[in-house]
Amino acid sequence: MIIQLKKFGITLISRPSGKEAWLAFQPVLNQIQQEEKIIVDFDGVAVLTPSWADEFLTPLRKKFKEKVELFHINNPSVKATLDILKKQ
């Protein structure tokens, strides 16, 4: 499964917005097969804040652990946010 984050917008900010995206995506996540990988694609995302990412990516990684792979993470905003989340 590929999750294209730009479908949630190109500016992903605020904790409430991240939580809303996470909750809205639950029906799709519930259909994931046991062996299926989850690719999170940041292509097209201009801004990603730690608060949004913490509400969406943190529970995604907790639920699916090593099945989650991140792609197109070269954007400075995305890089910085992912570094902050790693330190937590």
C-alpha atoms as a PDB file:
ATOM      1  CA  MET A   1       0.000   0.000   0.000  1.00  0.00           C
ATOM      2  CA  ILE A   2       1.213   3.483  -0.838  1.00  0.00           C
ATOM      3  CA  ILE A   3       0.070   6.413   1.277  1.00  0.00           C
ATOM      4  CA  GLN A   4       0.545   9.609  -0.706  1.00  0.00           C
ATOM      5  CA  LEU A   5       0.568  12.270   1.960  1.00  0.00           C
ATOM      6  CA  LYS A   6      -0.041  15.059  -0.565  1.00  0.00           C
ATOM      7  CA  LYS A   7      -3.640  13.799  -0.698  1.00  0.00           C
ATOM      8  CA  PHE A   8      -4.001  15.327   2.767  1.00  0.00           C
ATOM      9  CA  GLY A   9      -2.541  18.604   1.472  1.00  0.00           C
ATOM     10  CA  ILE A  10       0.864  19.998   0.616  1.00  0.00           C
ATOM     11  CA  THR A  11       1.121  21.859   3.919  1.00  0.00           C
ATOM     12  CA  LEU A  12       0.702  19.361   6.736  1.00  0.00           C
ATOM     13  CA  ILE A  13       0.528  21.351   9.932  1.00  0.00           C
ATOM     14  CA  SER A  14      -1.197  21.181  13.313  1.00  0.00           C
ATOM     15  CA  ARG A  15      -1.898  18.360  15.687  1.00  0.00           C
ATOM     16  CA  PRO A  16      -5.693  18.394  15.093  1.00  0.00           C
ATOM     17  CA  SER A  17      -5.181  18.130  11.330  1.00  0.00           C
ATOM     18  CA  GLY A  18      -2.790  15.177  11.723  1.00  0.00           C
ATOM     19  CA  LYS A  19      -5.191  13.428  14.097  1.00  0.00           C
ATOM     20  CA  GLU A  20      -8.059  13.988  11.673  1.00  0.00           C
ATOM     21  CA  ALA A  21      -6.012  12.514   8.801  1.00  0.00           C
ATOM     22  CA  TRP A  22      -5.099   9.494  10.952  1.00  0.00           C
ATOM     23  CA  LEU A  23      -8.702   8.834  11.933  1.00  0.00           C
ATOM     24  CA  ALA A  24      -9.980   9.337   8.375  1.00  0.00           C
ATOM     25  CA  PHE A  25      -7.436   6.809   7.063  1.00  0.00           C
ATOM     26  CA  GLN A  26      -8.387   4.030   9.488  1.00  0.00           C
ATOM     27  CA  PRO A  27     -10.814   2.220   7.129  1.00  0.00           C
ATOM     28  CA  VAL A  28      -8.046   1.933   4.530  1.00  0.00           C
ATOM     29  CA  LEU A  29      -5.474   0.755   7.087  1.00  0.00           C
ATOM     30  CA  ASN A  30      -7.858  -1.902   8.362  1.00  0.00           C
ATOM     31  CA  GLN A  31      -7.776  -3.535   4.920  1.00  0.00           C
ATOM     32  CA  ILE A  32      -4.000  -4.052   4.862  1.00  0.00           C
ATOM     33  CA  GLN A  33      -2.917  -7.630   4.320  1.00  0.00           C
ATOM     34  CA  GLN A  34      -0.614  -9.290   6.849  1.00  0.00           C
ATOM     35  CA  GLU A  35       2.437  -9.361   4.553  1.00  0.00           C
ATOM     36  CA  GLU A  36       1.795  -6.003   2.851  1.00  0.00           C
ATOM     37  CA  LYS A  37       4.289  -3.163   3.260  1.00  0.00           C
ATOM     38  CA  ILE A  38       3.164   0.400   3.856  1.00  0.00           C
ATOM     39  CA  ILE A  39       4.977   3.008   1.808  1.00  0.00           C
ATOM     40  CA  VAL A  40       4.564   6.576   3.011  1.00  0.00           C
ATOM     41  CA  ASP A  41       5.301   8.879   0.081  1.00  0.00           C
ATOM     42  CA  PHE A  42       6.182  12.485   0.903  1.00  0.00           C
ATOM     43  CA  ASP A  43       6.396  13.548  -2.761  1.00  0.00           C
ATOM     44  CA  GLY A  44       4.621  16.883  -3.238  1.00  0.00           C
ATOM     45  CA  VAL A  45       4.558  17.769   0.464  1.00  0.00           C
ATOM     46  CA  ALA A  46       5.945  21.293   0.902  1.00  0.00           C
ATOM     47  CA  VAL A  47       5.702  21.563   4.699  1.00  0.00           C
ATOM     48  CA  LEU A  48       5.498  18.858   7.354  1.00  0.00           C
ATOM     49  CA  THR A  49       5.430  19.878  10.999  1.00  0.00           C
ATOM     50  CA  PRO A  50       6.375  17.652  13.936  1.00  0.00           C
ATOM     51  CA  SER A  51       2.891  18.006  15.430  1.00  0.00           C
ATOM     52  CA  TRP A  52       1.127  16.729  12.290  1.00  0.00           C
ATOM     53  CA  ALA A  53       3.644  13.943  11.806  1.00  0.00           C
ATOM     54  CA  ASP A  54       3.407  12.893  15.454  1.00  0.00           C
ATOM     55  CA  GLU A  55      -0.353  12.440  15.124  1.00  0.00           C
ATOM     56  CA  PHE A  56      -0.128  10.465  11.871  1.00  0.00           C
ATOM     57  CA  LEU A  57       3.273   8.795  11.562  1.00  0.00           C
ATOM     58  CA  THR A  58       3.844   7.876  15.203  1.00  0.00           C
ATOM     59  CA  PRO A  59       0.693   5.748  15.546  1.00  0.00           C
ATOM     60  CA  LEU A  60       1.275   4.318  12.057  1.00  0.00           C
ATOM     61  CA  ARG A  61       4.725   3.118  13.090  1.00  0.00           C
ATOM     62  CA  LYS A  62       3.448   1.823  16.430  1.00  0.00           C
ATOM     63  CA  LYS A  63       0.741  -0.186  14.715  1.00  0.00           C
ATOM     64  CA  PHE A  64       2.719  -1.524  11.746  1.00  0.00           C
ATOM     65  CA  LYS A  65       6.333  -1.273  12.983  1.00  0.00           C
ATOM     66  CA  GLU A  66       8.900  -2.432  10.399  1.00  0.00           C
ATOM     67  CA  LYS A  67       6.291  -2.665   7.631  1.00  0.00           C
ATOM     68  CA  VAL A  68       6.419   1.137   7.239  1.00  0.00           C
ATOM     69  CA  GLU A  69       8.842   2.588   4.689  1.00  0.00           C
ATOM     70  CA  LEU A  70       9.335   6.290   3.933  1.00  0.00           C
ATOM     71  CA  PHE A  71       9.974   7.629   0.423  1.00  0.00           C
ATOM     72  CA  HIS A  72      10.809  11.064  -1.018  1.00  0.00           C
ATOM     73  CA  ILE A  73      12.077  12.432   2.285  1.00  0.00           C
ATOM     74  CA  ASN A  74      14.610  14.883   0.803  1.00  0.00           C
ATOM     75  CA  ASN A  75      12.494  17.984   1.412  1.00  0.00           C
ATOM     76  CA  PRO A  76      14.195  19.993   4.222  1.00  0.00           C
ATOM     77  CA  SER A  77      10.919  20.335   6.154  1.00  0.00           C
ATOM     78  CA  VAL A  78      10.279  16.594   5.968  1.00  0.00           C
ATOM     79  CA  LYS A  79      13.883  15.762   6.915  1.00  0.00           C
ATOM     80  CA  ALA A  80      13.855  18.077   9.921  1.00  0.00           C
ATOM     81  CA  THR A  81      10.523  16.742  11.165  1.00  0.00           C
ATOM     82  CA  LEU A  82      11.607  13.111  10.824  1.00  0.00           C
ATOM     83  CA  ASP A  83      14.827  13.899  12.717  1.00  0.00           C
ATOM     84  CA  ILE A  84      12.805  15.456  15.536  1.00  0.00           C
ATOM     85  CA  LEU A  85      10.510  12.416  15.724  1.00  0.00           C
ATOM     86  CA  LYS A  86      13.498  10.042  15.826  1.00  0.00           C
ATOM     87  CA  LYS A  87      14.871  11.841  18.881  1.00  0.00           C
ATOM     88  CA  GLN A  88      11.625  11.464  20.802  1.00  0.00           C
END
